Amino acid sequence: MPFALYGGTALGTGHGEVLSPVLARTQRHWVIALAD
């Protein structure tokens, strides 16, 4: 959830709640497979 709120690119550590912004030079394209 924090990623959606902050936006950009970040490194998530801990349980994913500790976010550190990082430099990303290009847009990435993703495929998301949602399960039942």
Full PDB file with SEQRES, HELIX, SHEET, SSBOND, CRYST1, ORIGX, SCALE, CONECT and MASTER records, all heavy atoms in Angstrom:
SEQRES   1 A   36  MET PRO PHE ALA LEU TYR GLY GLY THR ALA LEU GLY THR          
SEQRES   2 A   36  GLY HIS GLY GLU VAL LEU SER PRO VAL LEU ALA ARG THR          
SEQRES   3 A   36  GLN ARG HIS TRP VAL ILE ALA LEU ALA ASP                      
HELIX    1 AA1 PRO A    2  TYR A    6  1                                   5    
SHEET    1 AA1 2 ALA A  10  THR A  13  0                                        
SHEET    2 AA1 2 VAL A  18  PRO A  21 -1                                        
CRYST1    1.000    1.000    1.000  90.00  90.00  90.00 P 1           1          
ORIGX1      1.000000  0.000000  0.000000        0.00000                         
ORIGX2      0.000000  1.000000  0.000000        0.00000                         
ORIGX3      0.000000  0.000000  1.000000        0.00000                         
SCALE1      1.000000  0.000000  0.000000        0.00000                         
SCALE2      0.000000  1.000000  0.000000        0.00000                         
SCALE3      0.000000  0.000000  1.000000        0.00000                         
ATOM      1  N   MET A   1       0.797  -1.202   0.000  1.00  0.00           N  
ATOM      2  CA  MET A   1       0.000   0.000   0.000  1.00  0.00           C  
ATOM      3  C   MET A   1       0.846   1.275   0.000  1.00  0.00           C  
ATOM      4  O   MET A   1       0.525   2.207  -0.721  1.00  0.00           O  
ATOM      5  CB  MET A   1      -0.951  -0.042   1.205  1.00  0.00           C  
ATOM      6  CG  MET A   1      -1.943   1.053   1.218  1.00  0.00           C  
ATOM      7  SD  MET A   1      -3.010   0.865  -0.220  1.00  0.00           S  
ATOM      8  CE  MET A   1      -3.996   2.300  -0.051  1.00  0.00           C  
ATOM      9  N   PRO A   2       1.944   1.338   0.777  1.00  0.00           N  
ATOM     10  CA  PRO A   2       2.730   2.577   0.768  1.00  0.00           C  
ATOM     11  C   PRO A   2       3.224   2.957  -0.614  1.00  0.00           C  
ATOM     12  O   PRO A   2       3.290   4.135  -0.940  1.00  0.00           O  
ATOM     13  CB  PRO A   2       3.889   2.268   1.712  1.00  0.00           C  
ATOM     14  CG  PRO A   2       3.366   1.226   2.631  1.00  0.00           C  
ATOM     15  CD  PRO A   2       2.433   0.390   1.775  1.00  0.00           C  
ATOM     16  N   PHE A   3       3.564   1.948  -1.449  1.00  0.00           N  
ATOM     17  CA  PHE A   3       4.034   2.278  -2.795  1.00  0.00           C  
ATOM     18  C   PHE A   3       2.976   3.050  -3.567  1.00  0.00           C  
ATOM     19  O   PHE A   3       3.277   4.007  -4.270  1.00  0.00           O  
ATOM     20  CB  PHE A   3       4.386   0.998  -3.571  1.00  0.00           C  
ATOM     21  CG  PHE A   3       5.730   0.435  -3.228  1.00  0.00           C  
ATOM     22  CD1 PHE A   3       5.842  -0.631  -2.358  1.00  0.00           C  
ATOM     23  CD2 PHE A   3       6.879   0.971  -3.771  1.00  0.00           C  
ATOM     24  CE1 PHE A   3       7.076  -1.169  -2.046  1.00  0.00           C  
ATOM     25  CE2 PHE A   3       8.124   0.449  -3.469  1.00  0.00           C  
ATOM     26  CZ  PHE A   3       8.216  -0.630  -2.597  1.00  0.00           C  
ATOM     27  N   ALA A   4       1.733   2.638  -3.459  1.00  0.00           N  
ATOM     28  CA  ALA A   4       0.650   3.300  -4.185  1.00  0.00           C  
ATOM     29  C   ALA A   4       0.454   4.732  -3.700  1.00  0.00           C  
ATOM     30  O   ALA A   4       0.091   5.610  -4.474  1.00  0.00           O  
ATOM     31  CB  ALA A   4      -0.649   2.513  -4.034  1.00  0.00           C  
ATOM     32  N   LEU A   5       0.676   4.957  -2.441  1.00  0.00           N  
ATOM     33  CA  LEU A   5       0.497   6.302  -1.902  1.00  0.00           C  
ATOM     34  C   LEU A   5       1.634   7.242  -2.291  1.00  0.00           C  
ATOM     35  O   LEU A   5       1.395   8.387  -2.649  1.00  0.00           O  
ATOM     36  CB  LEU A   5       0.375   6.252  -0.372  1.00  0.00           C  
ATOM     37  CG  LEU A   5      -0.865   5.545   0.159  1.00  0.00           C  
ATOM     38  CD1 LEU A   5      -0.806   5.447   1.676  1.00  0.00           C  
ATOM     39  CD2 LEU A   5      -2.125   6.246  -0.290  1.00  0.00           C  
ATOM     40  N   TYR A   6       2.880   6.754  -2.208  1.00  0.00           N  
ATOM     41  CA  TYR A   6       4.031   7.611  -2.467  1.00  0.00           C  
ATOM     42  C   TYR A   6       4.346   7.752  -3.939  1.00  0.00           C  
ATOM     43  O   TYR A   6       4.836   8.785  -4.374  1.00  0.00           O  
ATOM     44  CB  TYR A   6       5.265   7.092  -1.731  1.00  0.00           C  
ATOM     45  CG  TYR A   6       5.154   7.217  -0.233  1.00  0.00           C  
ATOM     46  CD1 TYR A   6       5.222   6.096   0.582  1.00  0.00           C  
ATOM     47  CD2 TYR A   6       4.973   8.450   0.381  1.00  0.00           C  
ATOM     48  CE1 TYR A   6       5.116   6.204   1.960  1.00  0.00           C  
ATOM     49  CE2 TYR A   6       4.852   8.565   1.755  1.00  0.00           C  
ATOM     50  CZ  TYR A   6       4.934   7.438   2.538  1.00  0.00           C  
ATOM     51  OH  TYR A   6       4.821   7.534   3.887  1.00  0.00           O  
ATOM     52  N   GLY A   7       4.125   6.717  -4.714  1.00  0.00           N  
ATOM     53  CA  GLY A   7       4.446   6.757  -6.132  1.00  0.00           C  
ATOM     54  C   GLY A   7       5.945   6.696  -6.377  1.00  0.00           C  
ATOM     55  O   GLY A   7       6.738   6.519  -5.445  1.00  0.00           O  
ATOM     56  N   GLY A   8       6.332   6.833  -7.638  1.00  0.00           N  
ATOM     57  CA  GLY A   8       7.739   6.771  -7.987  1.00  0.00           C  
ATOM     58  C   GLY A   8       8.276   5.363  -7.856  1.00  0.00           C  
ATOM     59  O   GLY A   8       7.556   4.379  -7.943  1.00  0.00           O  
ATOM     60  N   THR A   9       9.568   5.270  -7.649  1.00  0.00           N  
ATOM     61  CA  THR A   9      10.236   3.989  -7.459  1.00  0.00           C  
ATOM     62  C   THR A   9      10.887   4.005  -6.091  1.00  0.00           C  
ATOM     63  O   THR A   9      11.502   4.998  -5.707  1.00  0.00           O  
ATOM     64  CB  THR A   9      11.302   3.763  -8.546  1.00  0.00           C  
ATOM     65  OG1 THR A   9      10.667   3.810  -9.818  1.00  0.00           O  
ATOM     66  CG2 THR A   9      11.999   2.431  -8.386  1.00  0.00           C  
ATOM     67  N   ALA A  10      10.737   2.924  -5.356  1.00  0.00           N  
ATOM     68  CA  ALA A  10      11.307   2.842  -4.016  1.00  0.00           C  
ATOM     69  C   ALA A  10      11.732   1.421  -3.718  1.00  0.00           C  
ATOM     70  O   ALA A  10      11.204   0.463  -4.280  1.00  0.00           O  
ATOM     71  CB  ALA A  10      10.291   3.311  -2.977  1.00  0.00           C  
ATOM     72  N   LEU A  11      12.678   1.298  -2.816  1.00  0.00           N  
ATOM     73  CA  LEU A  11      13.101   0.006  -2.305  1.00  0.00           C  
ATOM     74  C   LEU A  11      12.341  -0.224  -1.011  1.00  0.00           C  
ATOM     75  O   LEU A  11      12.398   0.594  -0.091  1.00  0.00           O  
ATOM     76  CB  LEU A  11      14.608   0.011  -2.046  1.00  0.00           C  
ATOM     77  CG  LEU A  11      15.193  -1.246  -1.414  1.00  0.00           C  
ATOM     78  CD1 LEU A  11      15.020  -2.437  -2.346  1.00  0.00           C  
ATOM     79  CD2 LEU A  11      16.658  -1.024  -1.082  1.00  0.00           C  
ATOM     80  N   GLY A  12      11.586  -1.317  -0.967  1.00  0.00           N  
ATOM     81  CA  GLY A  12      10.812  -1.640   0.227  1.00  0.00           C  
ATOM     82  C   GLY A  12      11.540  -2.665   1.069  1.00  0.00           C  
ATOM     83  O   GLY A  12      11.959  -3.698   0.564  1.00  0.00           O  
ATOM     84  N   THR A  13      11.728  -2.377   2.346  1.00  0.00           N  
ATOM     85  CA  THR A  13      12.363  -3.314   3.264  1.00  0.00           C  
ATOM     86  C   THR A  13      11.473  -3.477   4.488  1.00  0.00           C  
ATOM     87  O   THR A  13      10.389  -2.911   4.557  1.00  0.00           O  
ATOM     88  CB  THR A  13      13.773  -2.825   3.675  1.00  0.00           C  
ATOM     89  OG1 THR A  13      13.664  -1.522   4.246  1.00  0.00           O  
ATOM     90  CG2 THR A  13      14.714  -2.781   2.477  1.00  0.00           C  
ATOM     91  N   GLY A  14      11.967  -4.234   5.453  1.00  0.00           N  
ATOM     92  CA  GLY A  14      11.134  -4.553   6.613  1.00  0.00           C  
ATOM     93  C   GLY A  14      10.030  -5.477   6.156  1.00  0.00           C  
ATOM     94  O   GLY A  14      10.270  -6.464   5.481  1.00  0.00           O  
ATOM     95  N   HIS A  15       8.815  -5.135   6.492  1.00  0.00           N  
ATOM     96  CA  HIS A  15       7.654  -5.890   5.999  1.00  0.00           C  
ATOM     97  C   HIS A  15       7.062  -5.190   4.783  1.00  0.00           C  
ATOM     98  O   HIS A  15       5.901  -5.364   4.464  1.00  0.00           O  
ATOM     99  CB  HIS A  15       6.603  -6.016   7.095  1.00  0.00           C  
ATOM    100  CG  HIS A  15       7.007  -6.950   8.187  1.00  0.00           C  
ATOM    101  ND1 HIS A  15       6.157  -7.322   9.178  1.00  0.00           N  
ATOM    102  CD2 HIS A  15       8.160  -7.598   8.437  1.00  0.00           C  
ATOM    103  CE1 HIS A  15       6.773  -8.149  10.003  1.00  0.00           C  
ATOM    104  NE2 HIS A  15       7.990  -8.324   9.566  1.00  0.00           N  
ATOM    105  N   GLY A  16       7.885  -4.381   4.124  1.00  0.00           N  
ATOM    106  CA  GLY A  16       7.437  -3.624   2.963  1.00  0.00           C  
ATOM    107  C   GLY A  16       7.009  -2.220   3.321  1.00  0.00           C  
ATOM    108  O   GLY A  16       6.687  -1.418   2.454  1.00  0.00           O  
ATOM    109  N   GLU A  17       7.033  -1.901   4.611  1.00  0.00           N  
ATOM    110  CA  GLU A  17       6.565  -0.596   5.065  1.00  0.00           C  
ATOM    111  C   GLU A  17       7.671   0.454   5.110  1.00  0.00           C  
ATOM    112  O   GLU A  17       7.400   1.647   5.200  1.00  0.00           O  
ATOM    113  CB  GLU A  17       5.910  -0.718   6.452  1.00  0.00           C  
ATOM    114  CG  GLU A  17       6.872  -0.767   7.626  1.00  0.00           C  
ATOM    115  CD  GLU A  17       7.607  -2.097   7.808  1.00  0.00           C  
ATOM    116  OE1 GLU A  17       7.452  -3.012   6.970  1.00  0.00           O  
ATOM    117  OE2 GLU A  17       8.353  -2.205   8.781  1.00  0.00           O  
ATOM    118  N   VAL A  18       8.937   0.041   5.030  1.00  0.00           N  
ATOM    119  CA  VAL A  18      10.055   0.973   5.047  1.00  0.00           C  
ATOM    120  C   VAL A  18      10.448   1.233   3.603  1.00  0.00           C  
ATOM    121  O   VAL A  18      10.982   0.347   2.928  1.00  0.00           O  
ATOM    122  CB  VAL A  18      11.253   0.401   5.851  1.00  0.00           C  
ATOM    123  CG1 VAL A  18      12.404   1.402   5.859  1.00  0.00           C  
ATOM    124  CG2 VAL A  18      10.830   0.039   7.261  1.00  0.00           C  
ATOM    125  N   LEU A  19      10.162   2.431   3.125  1.00  0.00           N  
ATOM    126  CA  LEU A  19      10.409   2.767   1.719  1.00  0.00           C  
ATOM    127  C   LEU A  19      11.536   3.775   1.598  1.00  0.00           C  
ATOM    128  O   LEU A  19      11.551   4.778   2.307  1.00  0.00           O  
ATOM    129  CB  LEU A  19       9.151   3.353   1.079  1.00  0.00           C  
ATOM    130  CG  LEU A  19       7.934   2.438   1.024  1.00  0.00           C  
ATOM    131  CD1 LEU A  19       6.770   3.153   0.366  1.00  0.00           C  
ATOM    132  CD2 LEU A  19       8.265   1.160   0.276  1.00  0.00           C  
ATOM    133  N   SER A  20      12.450   3.499   0.682  1.00  0.00           N  
ATOM    134  CA  SER A  20      13.541   4.419   0.372  1.00  0.00           C  
ATOM    135  C   SER A  20      13.451   4.746  -1.106  1.00  0.00           C  
ATOM    136  O   SER A  20      13.567   3.841  -1.943  1.00  0.00           O  
ATOM    137  CB  SER A  20      14.894   3.774   0.670  1.00  0.00           C  
ATOM    138  OG  SER A  20      14.976   3.398   2.023  1.00  0.00           O  
ATOM    139  N   PRO A  21      13.222   6.027  -1.452  1.00  0.00           N  
ATOM    140  CA  PRO A  21      13.150   6.392  -2.873  1.00  0.00           C  
ATOM    141  C   PRO A  21      14.469   6.051  -3.573  1.00  0.00           C  
ATOM    142  O   PRO A  21      15.545   6.192  -2.997  1.00  0.00           O  
ATOM    143  CB  PRO A  21      12.939   7.909  -2.858  1.00  0.00           C  
ATOM    144  CG  PRO A  21      12.476   8.221  -1.476  1.00  0.00           C  
ATOM    145  CD  PRO A  21      13.052   7.180  -0.573  1.00  0.00           C  
ATOM    146  N   VAL A  22      14.350   5.581  -4.820  1.00  0.00           N  
ATOM    147  CA  VAL A  22      15.541   5.267  -5.612  1.00  0.00           C  
ATOM    148  C   VAL A  22      15.381   5.833  -7.018  1.00  0.00           C  
ATOM    149  O   VAL A  22      14.270   6.052  -7.494  1.00  0.00           O  
ATOM    150  CB  VAL A  22      15.805   3.744  -5.682  1.00  0.00           C  
ATOM    151  CG1 VAL A  22      16.082   3.170  -4.307  1.00  0.00           C  
ATOM    152  CG2 VAL A  22      14.666   3.010  -6.337  1.00  0.00           C  
ATOM    153  N   LEU A  23      16.515   6.043  -7.651  1.00  0.00           N  
ATOM    154  CA  LEU A  23      16.528   6.557  -9.010  1.00  0.00           C  
ATOM    155  C   LEU A  23      16.202   5.443  -9.994  1.00  0.00           C  
ATOM    156  O   LEU A  23      16.806   4.383  -9.965  1.00  0.00           O  
ATOM    157  CB  LEU A  23      17.914   7.135  -9.336  1.00  0.00           C  
ATOM    158  CG  LEU A  23      18.121   7.617 -10.768  1.00  0.00           C  
ATOM    159  CD1 LEU A  23      17.205   8.799 -11.064  1.00  0.00           C  
ATOM    160  CD2 LEU A  23      19.578   7.998 -10.981  1.00  0.00           C  
ATOM    161  N   ALA A  24      15.219   5.678 -10.838  1.00  0.00           N  
ATOM    162  CA  ALA A  24      14.887   4.756 -11.926  1.00  0.00           C  
ATOM    163  C   ALA A  24      14.838   5.604 -13.190  1.00  0.00           C  
ATOM    164  O   ALA A  24      14.101   6.582 -13.250  1.00  0.00           O  
ATOM    165  CB  ALA A  24      13.546   4.084 -11.674  1.00  0.00           C  
ATOM    166  N   ARG A  25      15.620   5.211 -14.175  1.00  0.00           N  
ATOM    167  CA  ARG A  25      15.766   6.068 -15.358  1.00  0.00           C  
ATOM    168  C   ARG A  25      14.774   5.805 -16.475  1.00  0.00           C  
ATOM    169  O   ARG A  25      14.768   6.522 -17.452  1.00  0.00           O  
ATOM    170  CB  ARG A  25      17.171   5.902 -15.903  1.00  0.00           C  
ATOM    171  CG  ARG A  25      18.183   6.391 -14.922  1.00  0.00           C  
ATOM    172  CD  ARG A  25      19.541   6.350 -15.490  1.00  0.00           C  
ATOM    173  NE  ARG A  25      20.448   6.819 -14.439  1.00  0.00           N  
ATOM    174  CZ  ARG A  25      21.677   7.158 -14.637  1.00  0.00           C  
ATOM    175  NH1 ARG A  25      22.189   7.090 -15.824  1.00  0.00           N  
ATOM    176  NH2 ARG A  25      22.414   7.561 -13.641  1.00  0.00           N  
ATOM    177  N   THR A  26      13.990   4.778 -16.349  1.00  0.00           N  
ATOM    178  CA  THR A  26      13.108   4.448 -17.466  1.00  0.00           C  
ATOM    179  C   THR A  26      11.786   3.890 -16.958  1.00  0.00           C  
ATOM    180  O   THR A  26      11.694   3.396 -15.847  1.00  0.00           O  
ATOM    181  CB  THR A  26      13.795   3.431 -18.413  1.00  0.00           C  
ATOM    182  OG1 THR A  26      13.011   3.274 -19.579  1.00  0.00           O  
ATOM    183  CG2 THR A  26      13.975   2.088 -17.740  1.00  0.00           C  
ATOM    184  N   GLN A  27      10.793   3.990 -17.797  1.00  0.00           N  
ATOM    185  CA  GLN A  27       9.496   3.410 -17.480  1.00  0.00           C  
ATOM    186  C   GLN A  27       9.568   1.901 -17.689  1.00  0.00           C  
ATOM    187  O   GLN A  27      10.191   1.427 -18.638  1.00  0.00           O  
ATOM    188  CB  GLN A  27       8.429   4.015 -18.386  1.00  0.00           C  
ATOM    189  CG  GLN A  27       7.031   3.598 -18.022  1.00  0.00           C  
ATOM    190  CD  GLN A  27       6.016   4.331 -18.858  1.00  0.00           C  
ATOM    191  OE1 GLN A  27       5.871   4.041 -20.042  1.00  0.00           O  
ATOM    192  NE2 GLN A  27       5.329   5.272 -18.246  1.00  0.00           N  
ATOM    193  N   ARG A  28       8.937   1.145 -16.805  1.00  0.00           N  
ATOM    194  CA  ARG A  28       8.900  -0.312 -16.904  1.00  0.00           C  
ATOM    195  C   ARG A  28       7.477  -0.756 -17.196  1.00  0.00           C  
ATOM    196  O   ARG A  28       6.511  -0.107 -16.783  1.00  0.00           O  
ATOM    197  CB  ARG A  28       9.355  -0.973 -15.598  1.00  0.00           C  
ATOM    198  CG  ARG A  28      10.681  -0.509 -15.088  1.00  0.00           C  
ATOM    199  CD  ARG A  28      11.820  -0.920 -15.987  1.00  0.00           C  
ATOM    200  NE  ARG A  28      13.065  -0.404 -15.401  1.00  0.00           N  
ATOM    201  CZ  ARG A  28      14.249  -0.627 -15.880  1.00  0.00           C  
ATOM    202  NH1 ARG A  28      14.390  -1.359 -16.965  1.00  0.00           N  
ATOM    203  NH2 ARG A  28      15.307  -0.120 -15.311  1.00  0.00           N  
ATOM    204  N   HIS A  29       7.360  -1.865 -17.883  1.00  0.00           N  
ATOM    205  CA  HIS A  29       6.053  -2.418 -18.227  1.00  0.00           C  
ATOM    206  C   HIS A  29       5.893  -3.771 -17.553  1.00  0.00           C  
ATOM    207  O   HIS A  29       6.797  -4.609 -17.601  1.00  0.00           O  
ATOM    208  CB  HIS A  29       5.900  -2.518 -19.746  1.00  0.00           C  
ATOM    209  CG  HIS A  29       5.863  -1.175 -20.375  1.00  0.00           C  
ATOM    210  ND1 HIS A  29       4.691  -0.485 -20.589  1.00  0.00           N  
ATOM    211  CD2 HIS A  29       6.855  -0.355 -20.792  1.00  0.00           C  
ATOM    212  CE1 HIS A  29       4.960   0.689 -21.119  1.00  0.00           C  
ATOM    213  NE2 HIS A  29       6.268   0.794 -21.251  1.00  0.00           N  
ATOM    214  N   TRP A  30       4.742  -3.949 -16.931  1.00  0.00           N  
ATOM    215  CA  TRP A  30       4.487  -5.112 -16.094  1.00  0.00           C  
ATOM    216  C   TRP A  30       3.238  -5.849 -16.555  1.00  0.00           C  
ATOM    217  O   TRP A  30       2.313  -5.250 -17.090  1.00  0.00           O  
ATOM    218  CB  TRP A  30       4.276  -4.675 -14.647  1.00  0.00           C  
ATOM    219  CG  TRP A  30       5.458  -3.978 -14.073  1.00  0.00           C  
ATOM    220  CD1 TRP A  30       5.730  -2.638 -14.108  1.00  0.00           C  
ATOM    221  CD2 TRP A  30       6.555  -4.586 -13.401  1.00  0.00           C  
ATOM    222  NE1 TRP A  30       6.925  -2.379 -13.490  1.00  0.00           N  
ATOM    223  CE2 TRP A  30       7.452  -3.556 -13.040  1.00  0.00           C  
ATOM    224  CE3 TRP A  30       6.857  -5.901 -13.062  1.00  0.00           C  
ATOM    225  CZ2 TRP A  30       8.636  -3.810 -12.361  1.00  0.00           C  
ATOM    226  CZ3 TRP A  30       8.032  -6.153 -12.380  1.00  0.00           C  
ATOM    227  CH2 TRP A  30       8.908  -5.107 -12.039  1.00  0.00           C  
ATOM    228  N   VAL A  31       3.223  -7.140 -16.280  1.00  0.00           N  
ATOM    229  CA  VAL A  31       2.039  -7.966 -16.475  1.00  0.00           C  
ATOM    230  C   VAL A  31       1.664  -8.480 -15.097  1.00  0.00           C  
ATOM    231  O   VAL A  31       2.516  -8.983 -14.350  1.00  0.00           O  
ATOM    232  CB  VAL A  31       2.318  -9.133 -17.439  1.00  0.00           C  
ATOM    233  CG1 VAL A  31       1.095 -10.024 -17.575  1.00  0.00           C  
ATOM    234  CG2 VAL A  31       2.761  -8.591 -18.800  1.00  0.00           C  
ATOM    235  N   ILE A  32       0.400  -8.344 -14.752  1.00  0.00           N  
ATOM    236  CA  ILE A  32      -0.082  -8.709 -13.423  1.00  0.00           C  
ATOM    237  C   ILE A  32      -1.103  -9.830 -13.576  1.00  0.00           C  
ATOM    238  O   ILE A  32      -2.125  -9.655 -14.247  1.00  0.00           O  
ATOM    239  CB  ILE A  32      -0.710  -7.493 -12.727  1.00  0.00           C  
ATOM    240  CG1 ILE A  32       0.311  -6.352 -12.684  1.00  0.00           C  
ATOM    241  CG2 ILE A  32      -1.198  -7.855 -11.325  1.00  0.00           C  
ATOM    242  CD1 ILE A  32      -0.289  -4.990 -12.470  1.00  0.00           C  
ATOM    243  N   ALA A  33      -0.808 -10.978 -12.959  1.00  0.00           N  
ATOM    244  CA  ALA A  33      -1.697 -12.143 -13.006  1.00  0.00           C  
ATOM    245  C   ALA A  33      -2.438 -12.224 -11.666  1.00  0.00           C  
ATOM    246  O   ALA A  33      -1.833 -12.475 -10.631  1.00  0.00           O  
ATOM    247  CB  ALA A  33      -0.903 -13.417 -13.247  1.00  0.00           C  
ATOM    248  N   LEU A  34      -3.747 -11.974 -11.708  1.00  0.00           N  
ATOM    249  CA  LEU A  34      -4.572 -11.974 -10.500  1.00  0.00           C  
ATOM    250  C   LEU A  34      -5.209 -13.339 -10.312  1.00  0.00           C  
ATOM    251  O   LEU A  34      -5.828 -13.874 -11.230  1.00  0.00           O  
ATOM    252  CB  LEU A  34      -5.651 -10.894 -10.609  1.00  0.00           C  
ATOM    253  CG  LEU A  34      -5.095  -9.479 -10.796  1.00  0.00           C  
ATOM    254  CD1 LEU A  34      -6.106  -8.582 -11.454  1.00  0.00           C  
ATOM    255  CD2 LEU A  34      -4.667  -8.926  -9.461  1.00  0.00           C  
ATOM    256  N   ALA A  35      -5.064 -13.874  -9.117  1.00  0.00           N  
ATOM    257  CA  ALA A  35      -5.598 -15.202  -8.803  1.00  0.00           C  
ATOM    258  C   ALA A  35      -7.004 -15.092  -8.236  1.00  0.00           C  
ATOM    259  O   ALA A  35      -7.449 -14.009  -7.840  1.00  0.00           O  
ATOM    260  CB  ALA A  35      -4.693 -15.891  -7.789  1.00  0.00           C  
ATOM    261  N   ASP A  36      -7.683 -16.222  -8.189  1.00  0.00           N  
ATOM    262  CA  ASP A  36      -8.958 -16.296  -7.467  1.00  0.00           C  
ATOM    263  C   ASP A  36      -8.648 -16.339  -5.983  1.00  0.00           C  
ATOM    264  O   ASP A  36      -7.751 -17.054  -5.554  1.00  0.00           O  
ATOM    265  CB  ASP A  36      -9.730 -17.563  -7.853  1.00  0.00           C  
ATOM    266  CG  ASP A  36     -10.392 -17.426  -9.213  1.00  0.00           C  
ATOM    267  OD1 ASP A  36     -10.910 -16.333  -9.503  1.00  0.00           O  
ATOM    268  OD2 ASP A  36     -10.379 -18.407  -9.971  1.00  0.00           O  
TER     269      ASP A  36                                                      
MASTER        0    0    0    1    2    0    0    6  268    1    0    3          
END                                                                             
